[in-house]
Amino acid sequence: LEVVVDQPVERLYEELVERMEDMGDWNPNVKEIKVLQKIGKDTIITHEIAAETPGNIVGPRDFVSVRCAKRRGSTCVLAGMATHFEDMPEQKGVIRAEHGPTCMVLRPVTGNPSQTKLTWLLSI
């Protein structure tokens, strides 16, 4: 998936990485995200609770993920995938979902640094 976002890279990086725990405020698919552990300066383990879906066919779901954010010049790479973490066992009444590797690349649009080209590689 590729899209041009009308925000500079720094603003998207701030929302997706530095203010990750606030993601539920603006992303309707996320109810809550908590950072469980920091591993070095670039890697974290998170617990995410998915927002309920219309009809709630699947039921409440949560995820435990390992995420890494790297910056190289004006480009940012965000990557993550499901992991197991002893300090966050499966929760009663919640389906522990898993996801394969995913990656986002954020780069300024050539000639317009106030816009970002976001490339999202999804594991479906």
PDB file of N, CA and C in Angstrom:
ATOM      1  N   LEU A   1       0.857  -1.164   0.000  1.00  0.00           N
ATOM      2  CA  LEU A   1       0.000   0.000   0.000  1.00  0.00           C
ATOM      3  C   LEU A   1       0.903   1.227   0.000  1.00  0.00           C
ATOM      4  N   GLU A   2       0.656   2.152  -0.909  1.00  0.00           N
ATOM      5  CA  GLU A   2       1.408   3.413  -0.923  1.00  0.00           C
ATOM      6  C   GLU A   2       0.422   4.567  -0.964  1.00  0.00           C
ATOM      7  N   VAL A   3       0.742   5.600  -0.195  1.00  0.00           N
ATOM      8  CA  VAL A   3      -0.109   6.769  -0.131  1.00  0.00           C
ATOM      9  C   VAL A   3       0.762   7.987   0.177  1.00  0.00           C
ATOM     10  N   VAL A   4       0.328   9.143  -0.295  1.00  0.00           N
ATOM     11  CA  VAL A   4       0.982  10.395   0.068  1.00  0.00           C
ATOM     12  C   VAL A   4       0.128  11.046   1.152  1.00  0.00           C
ATOM     13  N   VAL A   5       0.763  11.347   2.274  1.00  0.00           N
ATOM     14  CA  VAL A   5       0.082  11.951   3.416  1.00  0.00           C
ATOM     15  C   VAL A   5       0.477  13.415   3.477  1.00  0.00           C
ATOM     16  N   ASP A   6      -0.491  14.277   3.700  1.00  0.00           N
ATOM     17  CA  ASP A   6      -0.254  15.718   3.712  1.00  0.00           C
ATOM     18  C   ASP A   6       0.284  16.175   5.074  1.00  0.00           C
ATOM     19  N   GLN A   7       1.345  15.511   5.517  1.00  0.00           N
ATOM     20  CA  GLN A   7       2.046  15.839   6.764  1.00  0.00           C
ATOM     21  C   GLN A   7       3.525  15.528   6.553  1.00  0.00           C
ATOM     22  N   PRO A   8       4.414  16.265   7.204  1.00  0.00           N
ATOM     23  CA  PRO A   8       5.841  15.947   7.078  1.00  0.00           C
ATOM     24  C   PRO A   8       6.190  14.645   7.810  1.00  0.00           C
ATOM     25  N   VAL A   9       7.292  14.028   7.414  1.00  0.00           N
ATOM     26  CA  VAL A   9       7.746  12.768   8.015  1.00  0.00           C
ATOM     27  C   VAL A   9       7.814  12.883   9.529  1.00  0.00           C
ATOM     28  N   GLU A  10       8.364  13.969  10.030  1.00  0.00           N
ATOM     29  CA  GLU A  10       8.548  14.139  11.474  1.00  0.00           C
ATOM     30  C   GLU A  10       7.220  14.037  12.227  1.00  0.00           C
ATOM     31  N   ARG A  11       6.163  14.600  11.666  1.00  0.00           N
ATOM     32  CA  ARG A  11       4.845  14.561  12.323  1.00  0.00           C
ATOM     33  C   ARG A  11       4.289  13.142  12.361  1.00  0.00           C
ATOM     34  N   LEU A  12       4.413  12.411  11.247  1.00  0.00           N
ATOM     35  CA  LEU A  12       3.951  11.027  11.231  1.00  0.00           C
ATOM     36  C   LEU A  12       4.766  10.162  12.181  1.00  0.00           C
ATOM     37  N   TYR A  13       6.077  10.357  12.202  1.00  0.00           N
ATOM     38  CA  TYR A  13       6.941   9.596  13.106  1.00  0.00           C
ATOM     39  C   TYR A  13       6.533   9.854  14.564  1.00  0.00           C
ATOM     40  N   GLU A  14       6.262  11.094  14.864  1.00  0.00           N
ATOM     41  CA  GLU A  14       5.833  11.453  16.223  1.00  0.00           C
ATOM     42  C   GLU A  14       4.556  10.700  16.603  1.00  0.00           C
ATOM     43  N   GLU A  15       3.570  10.678  15.704  1.00  0.00           N
ATOM     44  CA  GLU A  15       2.295  10.013  15.999  1.00  0.00           C
ATOM     45  C   GLU A  15       2.434   8.497  16.070  1.00  0.00           C
ATOM     46  N   LEU A  16       3.199   7.915  15.160  1.00  0.00           N
ATOM     47  CA  LEU A  16       3.298   6.458  15.068  1.00  0.00           C
ATOM     48  C   LEU A  16       4.296   5.844  16.047  1.00  0.00           C
ATOM     49  N   VAL A  17       5.275   6.627  16.502  1.00  0.00           N
ATOM     50  CA  VAL A  17       6.327   6.075  17.367  1.00  0.00           C
ATOM     51  C   VAL A  17       6.331   6.754  18.737  1.00  0.00           C
ATOM     52  N   GLU A  18       6.557   8.047  18.748  1.00  0.00           N
ATOM     53  CA  GLU A  18       6.735   8.745  20.020  1.00  0.00           C
ATOM     54  C   GLU A  18       5.444   8.851  20.829  1.00  0.00           C
ATOM     55  N   ARG A  19       4.307   8.918  20.147  1.00  0.00           N
ATOM     56  CA  ARG A  19       3.006   9.030  20.836  1.00  0.00           C
ATOM     57  C   ARG A  19       2.147   7.780  20.572  1.00  0.00           C
ATOM     58  N   MET A  20       2.795   6.661  20.422  1.00  0.00           N
ATOM     59  CA  MET A  20       2.108   5.418  20.081  1.00  0.00           C
ATOM     60  C   MET A  20       0.970   5.088  21.042  1.00  0.00           C
ATOM     61  N   GLU A  21       1.180   5.326  22.326  1.00  0.00           N
ATOM     62  CA  GLU A  21       0.155   4.977  23.311  1.00  0.00           C
ATOM     63  C   GLU A  21      -1.112   5.836  23.183  1.00  0.00           C
ATOM     64  N   ASP A  22      -1.057   6.899  22.380  1.00  0.00           N
ATOM     65  CA  ASP A  22      -2.239   7.739  22.126  1.00  0.00           C
ATOM     66  C   ASP A  22      -2.969   7.337  20.838  1.00  0.00           C
ATOM     67  N   MET A  23      -2.508   6.285  20.175  1.00  0.00           N
ATOM     68  CA  MET A  23      -3.056   5.903  18.873  1.00  0.00           C
ATOM     69  C   MET A  23      -4.560   5.639  18.917  1.00  0.00           C
ATOM     70  N   GLY A  24      -5.064   5.112  20.018  1.00  0.00           N
ATOM     71  CA  GLY A  24      -6.497   4.858  20.141  1.00  0.00           C
ATOM     72  C   GLY A  24      -7.340   6.117  20.059  1.00  0.00           C
ATOM     73  N   ASP A  25      -6.718   7.292  20.262  1.00  0.00           N
ATOM     74  CA  ASP A  25      -7.447   8.564  20.172  1.00  0.00           C
ATOM     75  C   ASP A  25      -7.840   8.910  18.739  1.00  0.00           C
ATOM     76  N   TRP A  26      -7.065   8.426  17.750  1.00  0.00           N
ATOM     77  CA  TRP A  26      -7.343   8.797  16.372  1.00  0.00           C
ATOM     78  C   TRP A  26      -7.521   7.604  15.430  1.00  0.00           C
ATOM     79  N   ASN A  27      -7.125   6.397  15.847  1.00  0.00           N
ATOM     80  CA  ASN A  27      -7.253   5.221  14.983  1.00  0.00           C
ATOM     81  C   ASN A  27      -8.458   4.399  15.444  1.00  0.00           C
ATOM     82  N   PRO A  28      -9.524   4.328  14.648  1.00  0.00           N
ATOM     83  CA  PRO A  28     -10.736   3.629  15.082  1.00  0.00           C
ATOM     84  C   PRO A  28     -10.558   2.118  15.235  1.00  0.00           C
ATOM     85  N   ASN A  29      -9.468   1.552  14.720  1.00  0.00           N
ATOM     86  CA  ASN A  29      -9.214   0.115  14.848  1.00  0.00           C
ATOM     87  C   ASN A  29      -8.494  -0.253  16.141  1.00  0.00           C
ATOM     88  N   VAL A  30      -8.015   0.761  16.863  1.00  0.00           N
ATOM     89  CA  VAL A  30      -7.220   0.530  18.073  1.00  0.00           C
ATOM     90  C   VAL A  30      -7.974   1.052  19.286  1.00  0.00           C
ATOM     91  N   LYS A  31      -8.153   0.191  20.269  1.00  0.00           N
ATOM     92  CA  LYS A  31      -8.754   0.626  21.526  1.00  0.00           C
ATOM     93  C   LYS A  31      -7.676   1.146  22.473  1.00  0.00           C
ATOM     94  N   GLU A  32      -6.534   0.414  22.523  1.00  0.00           N
ATOM     95  CA  GLU A  32      -5.479   0.804  23.460  1.00  0.00           C
ATOM     96  C   GLU A  32      -4.159   0.161  23.050  1.00  0.00           C
ATOM     97  N   ILE A  33      -3.066   0.893  23.258  1.00  0.00           N
ATOM     98  CA  ILE A  33      -1.715   0.357  23.091  1.00  0.00           C
ATOM     99  C   ILE A  33      -0.906   0.759  24.320  1.00  0.00           C
ATOM    100  N   LYS A  34      -0.183  -0.211  24.864  1.00  0.00           N
ATOM    101  CA  LYS A  34       0.713   0.047  25.999  1.00  0.00           C
ATOM    102  C   LYS A  34       2.098  -0.486  25.663  1.00  0.00           C
ATOM    103  N   VAL A  35       3.122   0.297  25.990  1.00  0.00           N
ATOM    104  CA  VAL A  35       4.492  -0.180  25.863  1.00  0.00           C
ATOM    105  C   VAL A  35       4.787  -1.026  27.100  1.00  0.00           C
ATOM    106  N   LEU A  36       5.149  -2.291  26.875  1.00  0.00           N
ATOM    107  CA  LEU A  36       5.438  -3.206  27.967  1.00  0.00           C
ATOM    108  C   LEU A  36       6.910  -3.203  28.355  1.00  0.00           C
ATOM    109  N   GLN A  37       7.777  -3.062  27.354  1.00  0.00           N
ATOM    110  CA  GLN A  37       9.216  -3.075  27.625  1.00  0.00           C
ATOM    111  C   GLN A  37       9.961  -2.362  26.511  1.00  0.00           C
ATOM    112  N   LYS A  38      11.000  -1.620  26.893  1.00  0.00           N
ATOM    113  CA  LYS A  38      11.903  -1.013  25.919  1.00  0.00           C
ATOM    114  C   LYS A  38      13.146  -1.885  25.847  1.00  0.00           C
ATOM    115  N   ILE A  39      13.586  -2.156  24.635  1.00  0.00           N
ATOM    116  CA  ILE A  39      14.784  -2.956  24.401  1.00  0.00           C
ATOM    117  C   ILE A  39      15.738  -2.081  23.604  1.00  0.00           C
ATOM    118  N   GLY A  40      16.679  -1.471  24.274  1.00  0.00           N
ATOM    119  CA  GLY A  40      17.554  -0.531  23.584  1.00  0.00           C
ATOM    120  C   GLY A  40      16.791   0.725  23.216  1.00  0.00           C
ATOM    121  N   LYS A  41      17.356   1.509  22.308  1.00  0.00           N
ATOM    122  CA  LYS A  41      16.719   2.786  21.959  1.00  0.00           C
ATOM    123  C   LYS A  41      15.715   2.677  20.820  1.00  0.00           C
ATOM    124  N   ASP A  42      15.741   1.584  20.063  1.00  0.00           N
ATOM    125  CA  ASP A  42      14.915   1.488  18.860  1.00  0.00           C
ATOM    126  C   ASP A  42      13.812   0.442  18.912  1.00  0.00           C
ATOM    127  N   THR A  43      13.825  -0.437  19.906  1.00  0.00           N
ATOM    128  CA  THR A  43      12.933  -1.591  19.908  1.00  0.00           C
ATOM    129  C   THR A  43      12.089  -1.634  21.172  1.00  0.00           C
ATOM    130  N   ILE A  44      10.811  -1.984  21.005  1.00  0.00           N
ATOM    131  CA  ILE A  44       9.890  -2.076  22.139  1.00  0.00           C
ATOM    132  C   ILE A  44       8.987  -3.298  21.974  1.00  0.00           C
ATOM    133  N   ILE A  45       8.413  -3.720  23.083  1.00  0.00           N
ATOM    134  CA  ILE A  45       7.363  -4.733  23.076  1.00  0.00           C
ATOM    135  C   ILE A  45       6.093  -4.025  23.510  1.00  0.00           C
ATOM    136  N   THR A  46       5.015  -4.248  22.754  1.00  0.00           N
ATOM    137  CA  THR A  46       3.749  -3.573  23.039  1.00  0.00           C
ATOM    138  C   THR A  46       2.612  -4.569  23.212  1.00  0.00           C
ATOM    139  N   HIS A  47       1.579  -4.108  23.898  1.00  0.00           N
ATOM    140  CA  HIS A  47       0.321  -4.849  24.001  1.00  0.00           C
ATOM    141  C   HIS A  47      -0.742  -3.956  23.385  1.00  0.00           C
ATOM    142  N   GLU A  48      -1.460  -4.484  22.395  1.00  0.00           N
ATOM    143  CA  GLU A  48      -2.496  -3.722  21.709  1.00  0.00           C
ATOM    144  C   GLU A  48      -3.836  -4.415  21.902  1.00  0.00           C
ATOM    145  N   ILE A  49      -4.851  -3.631  22.155  1.00  0.00           N
ATOM    146  CA  ILE A  49      -6.218  -4.143  22.215  1.00  0.00           C
ATOM    147  C   ILE A  49      -6.965  -3.558  21.028  1.00  0.00           C
ATOM    148  N   ALA A  50      -7.510  -4.445  20.205  1.00  0.00           N
ATOM    149  CA  ALA A  50      -8.228  -3.998  19.009  1.00  0.00           C
ATOM    150  C   ALA A  50      -9.603  -3.471  19.399  1.00  0.00           C
ATOM    151  N   ALA A  51     -10.042  -2.466  18.677  1.00  0.00           N
ATOM    152  CA  ALA A  51     -11.396  -1.944  18.872  1.00  0.00           C
ATOM    153  C   ALA A  51     -12.393  -2.997  18.402  1.00  0.00           C
ATOM    154  N   GLU A  52     -13.565  -2.995  19.000  1.00  0.00           N
ATOM    155  CA  GLU A  52     -14.600  -3.941  18.586  1.00  0.00           C
ATOM    156  C   GLU A  52     -15.036  -3.635  17.166  1.00  0.00           C
ATOM    157  N   THR A  53     -15.354  -4.692  16.442  1.00  0.00           N
ATOM    158  CA  THR A  53     -15.789  -4.541  15.062  1.00  0.00           C
ATOM    159  C   THR A  53     -17.315  -4.565  15.006  1.00  0.00           C
ATOM    160  N   PRO A  54     -17.899  -3.986  13.964  1.00  0.00           N
ATOM    161  CA  PRO A  54     -19.359  -4.024  13.841  1.00  0.00           C
ATOM    162  C   PRO A  54     -19.849  -5.475  13.849  1.00  0.00           C
ATOM    163  N   GLY A  55     -20.831  -5.756  14.657  1.00  0.00           N
ATOM    164  CA  GLY A  55     -21.353  -7.109  14.778  1.00  0.00           C
ATOM    165  C   GLY A  55     -20.535  -7.994  15.705  1.00  0.00           C
ATOM    166  N   ASN A  56     -19.312  -7.573  16.017  1.00  0.00           N
ATOM    167  CA  ASN A  56     -18.416  -8.278  16.934  1.00  0.00           C
ATOM    168  C   ASN A  56     -18.354  -9.783  16.643  1.00  0.00           C
ATOM    169  N   ILE A  57     -18.210 -10.151  15.374  1.00  0.00           N
ATOM    170  CA  ILE A  57     -18.182 -11.547  14.952  1.00  0.00           C
ATOM    171  C   ILE A  57     -16.981 -12.283  15.541  1.00  0.00           C
ATOM    172  N   VAL A  58     -15.818 -11.653  15.537  1.00  0.00           N
ATOM    173  CA  VAL A  58     -14.590 -12.293  16.016  1.00  0.00           C
ATOM    174  C   VAL A  58     -14.503 -12.254  17.537  1.00  0.00           C
ATOM    175  N   GLY A  59     -15.008 -11.228  18.149  1.00  0.00           N
ATOM    176  CA  GLY A  59     -14.874 -11.057  19.592  1.00  0.00           C
ATOM    177  C   GLY A  59     -13.678 -10.185  19.913  1.00  0.00           C
ATOM    178  N   PRO A  60     -13.475  -9.871  21.195  1.00  0.00           N
ATOM    179  CA  PRO A  60     -12.362  -9.009  21.570  1.00  0.00           C
ATOM    180  C   PRO A  60     -11.014  -9.670  21.259  1.00  0.00           C
ATOM    181  N   ARG A  61     -10.105  -8.885  20.691  1.00  0.00           N
ATOM    182  CA  ARG A  61      -8.782  -9.401  20.326  1.00  0.00           C
ATOM    183  C   ARG A  61      -7.704  -8.508  20.912  1.00  0.00           C
ATOM    184  N   ASP A  62      -6.562  -9.139  21.207  1.00  0.00           N
ATOM    185  CA  ASP A  62      -5.387  -8.369  21.576  1.00  0.00           C
ATOM    186  C   ASP A  62      -4.170  -8.954  20.882  1.00  0.00           C
ATOM    187  N   PHE A  63      -3.094  -8.202  20.900  1.00  0.00           N
ATOM    188  CA  PHE A  63      -1.845  -8.585  20.242  1.00  0.00           C
ATOM    189  C   PHE A  63      -0.692  -8.228  21.169  1.00  0.00           C
ATOM    190  N   VAL A  64       0.372  -9.005  21.106  1.00  0.00           N
ATOM    191  CA  VAL A  64       1.639  -8.628  21.715  1.00  0.00           C
ATOM    192  C   VAL A  64       2.637  -8.571  20.563  1.00  0.00           C
ATOM    193  N   SER A  65       3.303  -7.431  20.424  1.00  0.00           N
ATOM    194  CA  SER A  65       4.174  -7.208  19.269  1.00  0.00           C
ATOM    195  C   SER A  65       5.545  -6.726  19.688  1.00  0.00           C
ATOM    196  N   VAL A  66       6.522  -7.054  18.869  1.00  0.00           N
ATOM    197  CA  VAL A  66       7.837  -6.437  18.990  1.00  0.00           C
ATOM    198  C   VAL A  66       7.929  -5.460  17.828  1.00  0.00           C
ATOM    199  N   ARG A  67       8.350  -4.225  18.133  1.00  0.00           N
ATOM    200  CA  ARG A  67       8.396  -3.155  17.131  1.00  0.00           C
ATOM    201  C   ARG A  67       9.767  -2.494  17.152  1.00  0.00           C
ATOM    202  N   CYS A  68      10.205  -2.101  15.978  1.00  0.00           N
ATOM    203  CA  CYS A  68      11.496  -1.424  15.852  1.00  0.00           C
ATOM    204  C   CYS A  68      11.310  -0.207  14.946  1.00  0.00           C
ATOM    205  N   ALA A  69      11.927   0.893  15.321  1.00  0.00           N
ATOM    206  CA  ALA A  69      11.878   2.119  14.513  1.00  0.00           C
ATOM    207  C   ALA A  69      13.304   2.588  14.263  1.00  0.00           C
ATOM    208  N   LYS A  70      13.655   2.759  13.005  1.00  0.00           N
ATOM    209  CA  LYS A  70      14.999   3.217  12.620  1.00  0.00           C
ATOM    210  C   LYS A  70      14.874   4.416  11.700  1.00  0.00           C
ATOM    211  N   ARG A  71      15.812   5.338  11.865  1.00  0.00           N
ATOM    212  CA  ARG A  71      15.855   6.516  11.004  1.00  0.00           C
ATOM    213  C   ARG A  71      17.192   6.526  10.268  1.00  0.00           C
ATOM    214  N   ARG A  72      17.115   6.805   8.979  1.00  0.00           N
ATOM    215  CA  ARG A  72      18.316   6.968   8.158  1.00  0.00           C
ATOM    216  C   ARG A  72      18.113   8.220   7.327  1.00  0.00           C
ATOM    217  N   GLY A  73      18.794   9.262   7.736  1.00  0.00           N
ATOM    218  CA  GLY A  73      18.594  10.540   7.059  1.00  0.00           C
ATOM    219  C   GLY A  73      17.153  10.977   7.221  1.00  0.00           C
ATOM    220  N   SER A  74      16.494  11.283   6.125  1.00  0.00           N
ATOM    221  CA  SER A  74      15.100  11.740   6.191  1.00  0.00           C
ATOM    222  C   SER A  74      14.100  10.587   6.064  1.00  0.00           C
ATOM    223  N   THR A  75      14.587   9.351   5.989  1.00  0.00           N
ATOM    224  CA  THR A  75      13.712   8.179   5.862  1.00  0.00           C
ATOM    225  C   THR A  75      13.575   7.467   7.202  1.00  0.00           C
ATOM    226  N   CYS A  76      12.359   7.041   7.503  1.00  0.00           N
ATOM    227  CA  CYS A  76      12.087   6.280   8.733  1.00  0.00           C
ATOM    228  C   CYS A  76      11.515   4.925   8.330  1.00  0.00           C
ATOM    229  N   VAL A  77      11.993   3.882   8.992  1.00  0.00           N
ATOM    230  CA  VAL A  77      11.487   2.535   8.766  1.00  0.00           C
ATOM    231  C   VAL A  77      10.929   2.024  10.085  1.00  0.00           C
ATOM    232  N   LEU A  78       9.674   1.606  10.062  1.00  0.00           N
ATOM    233  CA  LEU A  78       8.990   1.056  11.236  1.00  0.00           C
ATOM    234  C   LEU A  78       8.634  -0.387  10.912  1.00  0.00           C
ATOM    235  N   ALA A  79       9.023  -1.320  11.772  1.00  0.00           N
ATOM    236  CA  ALA A  79       8.764  -2.732  11.514  1.00  0.00           C
ATOM    237  C   ALA A  79       8.253  -3.397  12.777  1.00  0.00           C
ATOM    238  N   GLY A  80       7.487  -4.465  12.601  1.00  0.00           N
ATOM    239  CA  GLY A  80       6.996  -5.180  13.763  1.00  0.00           C
ATOM    240  C   GLY A  80       6.378  -6.508  13.387  1.00  0.00           C
ATOM    241  N   MET A  81       6.168  -7.332  14.406  1.00  0.00           N
ATOM    242  CA  MET A  81       5.487  -8.603  14.237  1.00  0.00           C
ATOM    243  C   MET A  81       5.080  -9.134  15.604  1.00  0.00           C
ATOM    244  N   ALA A  82       4.215 -10.137  15.603  1.00  0.00           N
ATOM    245  CA  ALA A  82       3.762 -10.733  16.857  1.00  0.00           C
ATOM    246  C   ALA A  82       4.930 -11.401  17.575  1.00  0.00           C
ATOM    247  N   THR A  83       4.826 -11.416  18.898  1.00  0.00           N
ATOM    248  CA  THR A  83       5.827 -12.096  19.716  1.00  0.00           C
ATOM    249  C   THR A  83       5.140 -12.666  20.949  1.00  0.00           C
ATOM    250  N   HIS A  84       5.863 -13.458  21.690  1.00  0.00           N
ATOM    251  CA  HIS A  84       5.376 -13.981  22.968  1.00  0.00           C
ATOM    252  C   HIS A  84       6.166 -13.289  24.061  1.00  0.00           C
ATOM    253  N   PHE A  85       5.482 -12.890  25.125  1.00  0.00           N
ATOM    254  CA  PHE A  85       6.109 -12.141  26.216  1.00  0.00           C
ATOM    255  C   PHE A  85       5.532 -12.658  27.528  1.00  0.00           C
ATOM    256  N   GLU A  86       6.388 -13.254  28.347  1.00  0.00           N
ATOM    257  CA  GLU A  86       5.930 -13.889  29.594  1.00  0.00           C
ATOM    258  C   GLU A  86       5.144 -12.946  30.497  1.00  0.00           C
ATOM    259  N   ASP A  87       5.514 -11.675  30.505  1.00  0.00           N
ATOM    260  CA  ASP A  87       4.844 -10.725  31.399  1.00  0.00           C
ATOM    261  C   ASP A  87       3.471 -10.277  30.898  1.00  0.00           C
ATOM    262  N   MET A  88       3.041 -10.777  29.722  1.00  0.00           N
ATOM    263  CA  MET A  88       1.708 -10.457  29.211  1.00  0.00           C
ATOM    264  C   MET A  88       1.068 -11.754  28.706  1.00  0.00           C
ATOM    265  N   PRO A  89       0.600 -12.596  29.635  1.00  0.00           N
ATOM    266  CA  PRO A  89      -0.062 -13.836  29.214  1.00  0.00           C
ATOM    267  C   PRO A  89      -1.403 -13.529  28.551  1.00  0.00           C
ATOM    268  N   GLU A  90      -1.967 -14.545  27.934  1.00  0.00           N
ATOM    269  CA  GLU A  90      -3.284 -14.372  27.318  1.00  0.00           C
ATOM    270  C   GLU A  90      -4.281 -13.948  28.382  1.00  0.00           C
ATOM    271  N   GLN A  91      -5.182 -13.036  28.001  1.00  0.00           N
ATOM    272  CA  GLN A  91      -6.167 -12.473  28.910  1.00  0.00           C
ATOM    273  C   GLN A  91      -7.484 -13.237  28.787  1.00  0.00           C
ATOM    274  N   LYS A  92      -8.115 -13.487  29.904  1.00  0.00           N
ATOM    275  CA  LYS A  92      -9.393 -14.202  29.917  1.00  0.00           C
ATOM    276  C   LYS A  92     -10.442 -13.393  29.128  1.00  0.00           C
ATOM    277  N   GLY A  93     -11.170 -14.078  28.265  1.00  0.00           N
ATOM    278  CA  GLY A  93     -12.224 -13.438  27.496  1.00  0.00           C
ATOM    279  C   GLY A  93     -11.743 -12.668  26.280  1.00  0.00           C
ATOM    280  N   VAL A  94     -10.439 -12.754  25.978  1.00  0.00           N
ATOM    281  CA  VAL A  94      -9.868 -12.029  24.841  1.00  0.00           C
ATOM    282  C   VAL A  94      -9.101 -13.016  23.967  1.00  0.00           C
ATOM    283  N   ILE A  95      -9.284 -12.942  22.663  1.00  0.00           N
ATOM    284  CA  ILE A  95      -8.580 -13.812  21.724  1.00  0.00           C
ATOM    285  C   ILE A  95      -7.214 -13.208  21.442  1.00  0.00           C
ATOM    286  N   ARG A  96      -6.141 -13.941  21.727  1.00  0.00           N
ATOM    287  CA  ARG A  96      -4.787 -13.467  21.415  1.00  0.00           C
ATOM    288  C   ARG A  96      -4.531 -13.693  19.935  1.00  0.00           C
ATOM    289  N   ALA A  97      -4.510 -12.626  19.183  1.00  0.00           N
ATOM    290  CA  ALA A  97      -4.280 -12.692  17.746  1.00  0.00           C
ATOM    291  C   ALA A  97      -2.780 -12.565  17.469  1.00  0.00           C
ATOM    292  N   GLU A  98      -2.382 -13.031  16.312  1.00  0.00           N
ATOM    293  CA  GLU A  98      -0.987 -12.905  15.900  1.00  0.00           C
ATOM    294  C   GLU A  98      -0.948 -12.314  14.502  1.00  0.00           C
ATOM    295  N   HIS A  99       0.148 -11.646  14.198  1.00  0.00           N
ATOM    296  CA  HIS A  99       0.328 -11.096  12.858  1.00  0.00           C
ATOM    297  C   HIS A  99       1.770 -11.308  12.434  1.00  0.00           C
ATOM    298  N   GLY A 100       1.935 -11.495  11.140  1.00  0.00           N
ATOM    299  CA  GLY A 100       3.272 -11.689  10.592  1.00  0.00           C
ATOM    300  C   GLY A 100       4.002 -10.363  10.492  1.00  0.00           C
ATOM    301  N   PRO A 101       5.175 -10.390   9.896  1.00  0.00           N
ATOM    302  CA  PRO A 101       5.957  -9.154   9.780  1.00  0.00           C
ATOM    303  C   PRO A 101       5.222  -8.091   8.977  1.00  0.00           C
ATOM    304  N   THR A 102       5.361  -6.858   9.414  1.00  0.00           N
ATOM    305  CA  THR A 102       4.812  -5.710   8.706  1.00  0.00           C
ATOM    306  C   THR A 102       5.846  -4.588   8.766  1.00  0.00           C
ATOM    307  N   CYS A 103       5.795  -3.698   7.814  1.00  0.00           N
ATOM    308  CA  CYS A 103       6.803  -2.634   7.755  1.00  0.00           C
ATOM    309  C   CYS A 103       6.196  -1.383   7.113  1.00  0.00           C
ATOM    310  N   MET A 104       6.540  -0.226   7.668  1.00  0.00           N
ATOM    311  CA  MET A 104       6.176   1.057   7.063  1.00  0.00           C
ATOM    312  C   MET A 104       7.463   1.820   6.771  1.00  0.00           C
ATOM    313  N   VAL A 105       7.507   2.426   5.600  1.00  0.00           N
ATOM    314  CA  VAL A 105       8.624   3.295   5.240  1.00  0.00           C
ATOM    315  C   VAL A 105       8.048   4.689   5.021  1.00  0.00           C
ATOM    316  N   LEU A 106       8.600   5.666   5.727  1.00  0.00           N
ATOM    317  CA  LEU A 106       8.167   7.059   5.617  1.00  0.00           C
ATOM    318  C   LEU A 106       9.294   7.860   4.975  1.00  0.00           C
ATOM    319  N   ARG A 107       8.989   8.531   3.863  1.00  0.00           N
ATOM    320  CA  ARG A 107       9.977   9.381   3.188  1.00  0.00           C
ATOM    321  C   ARG A 107       9.337  10.681   2.733  1.00  0.00           C
ATOM    322  N   PRO A 108      10.089  11.765   2.795  1.00  0.00           N
ATOM    323  CA  PRO A 108       9.521  13.013   2.273  1.00  0.00           C
ATOM    324  C   PRO A 108       9.269  12.891   0.768  1.00  0.00           C
ATOM    325  N   VAL A 109       8.193  13.506   0.314  1.00  0.00           N
ATOM    326  CA  VAL A 109       7.909  13.548  -1.117  1.00  0.00           C
ATOM    327  C   VAL A 109       8.964  14.448  -1.770  1.00  0.00           C
ATOM    328  N   THR A 110       9.553  13.957  -2.846  1.00  0.00           N
ATOM    329  CA  THR A 110      10.581  14.721  -3.551  1.00  0.00           C
ATOM    330  C   THR A 110      10.016  16.074  -3.973  1.00  0.00           C
ATOM    331  N   GLY A 111      10.688  17.137  -3.575  1.00  0.00           N
ATOM    332  CA  GLY A 111      10.258  18.483  -3.933  1.00  0.00           C
ATOM    333  C   GLY A 111       9.196  19.065  -3.013  1.00  0.00           C
ATOM    334  N   ASN A 112       8.683  18.273  -2.059  1.00  0.00           N
ATOM    335  CA  ASN A 112       7.673  18.778  -1.135  1.00  0.00           C
ATOM    336  C   ASN A 112       7.829  18.101   0.236  1.00  0.00           C
ATOM    337  N   PRO A 113       8.772  18.587   1.043  1.00  0.00           N
ATOM    338  CA  PRO A 113       9.030  17.946   2.339  1.00  0.00           C
ATOM    339  C   PRO A 113       7.895  18.081   3.351  1.00  0.00           C
ATOM    340  N   SER A 114       6.846  18.850   3.024  1.00  0.00           N
ATOM    341  CA  SER A 114       5.702  18.934   3.936  1.00  0.00           C
ATOM    342  C   SER A 114       4.724  17.770   3.708  1.00  0.00           C
ATOM    343  N   GLN A 115       5.048  16.892   2.740  1.00  0.00           N
ATOM    344  CA  GLN A 115       4.252  15.697   2.498  1.00  0.00           C
ATOM    345  C   GLN A 115       5.137  14.458   2.654  1.00  0.00           C
ATOM    346  N   THR A 116       4.504  13.334   3.003  1.00  0.00           N
ATOM    347  CA  THR A 116       5.232  12.087   3.219  1.00  0.00           C
ATOM    348  C   THR A 116       4.689  11.001   2.322  1.00  0.00           C
ATOM    349  N   LYS A 117       5.596  10.266   1.683  1.00  0.00           N
ATOM    350  CA  LYS A 117       5.204   9.053   0.966  1.00  0.00           C
ATOM    351  C   LYS A 117       5.297   7.916   1.981  1.00  0.00           C
ATOM    352  N   LEU A 118       4.160   7.304   2.280  1.00  0.00           N
ATOM    353  CA  LEU A 118       4.092   6.200   3.224  1.00  0.00           C
ATOM    354  C   LEU A 118       3.902   4.916   2.434  1.00  0.00           C
ATOM    355  N   THR A 119       4.844   3.992   2.580  1.00  0.00           N
ATOM    356  CA  THR A 119       4.750   2.676   1.951  1.00  0.00           C
ATOM    357  C   THR A 119       4.556   1.667   3.071  1.00  0.00           C
ATOM    358  N   TRP A 120       3.463   0.894   3.012  1.00  0.00           N
ATOM    359  CA  TRP A 120       3.124  -0.051   4.070  1.00  0.00           C
ATOM    360  C   TRP A 120       3.127  -1.448   3.471  1.00  0.00           C
ATOM    361  N   LEU A 121       4.051  -2.281   3.937  1.00  0.00           N
ATOM    362  CA  LEU A 121       4.132  -3.671   3.509  1.00  0.00           C
ATOM    363  C   LEU A 121       3.398  -4.499   4.553  1.00  0.00           C
ATOM    364  N   LEU A 122       2.281  -5.082   4.145  1.00  0.00           N
ATOM    365  CA  LEU A 122       1.433  -5.830   5.067  1.00  0.00           C
ATOM    366  C   LEU A 122       1.656  -7.319   4.913  1.00  0.00           C
ATOM    367  N   SER A 123       1.558  -8.024   6.005  1.00  0.00           N
ATOM    368  CA  SER A 123       1.565  -9.483   5.987  1.00  0.00           C
ATOM    369  C   SER A 123       0.113  -9.914   6.127  1.00  0.00           C
ATOM    370  N   ILE A 124      -0.452 -10.422   5.054  1.00  0.00           N
ATOM    371  CA  ILE A 124      -1.874 -10.788   5.058  1.00  0.00           C
ATOM    372  C   ILE A 124      -2.014 -12.300   5.035  1.00  0.00           C
TER     373      ILE A 124
END
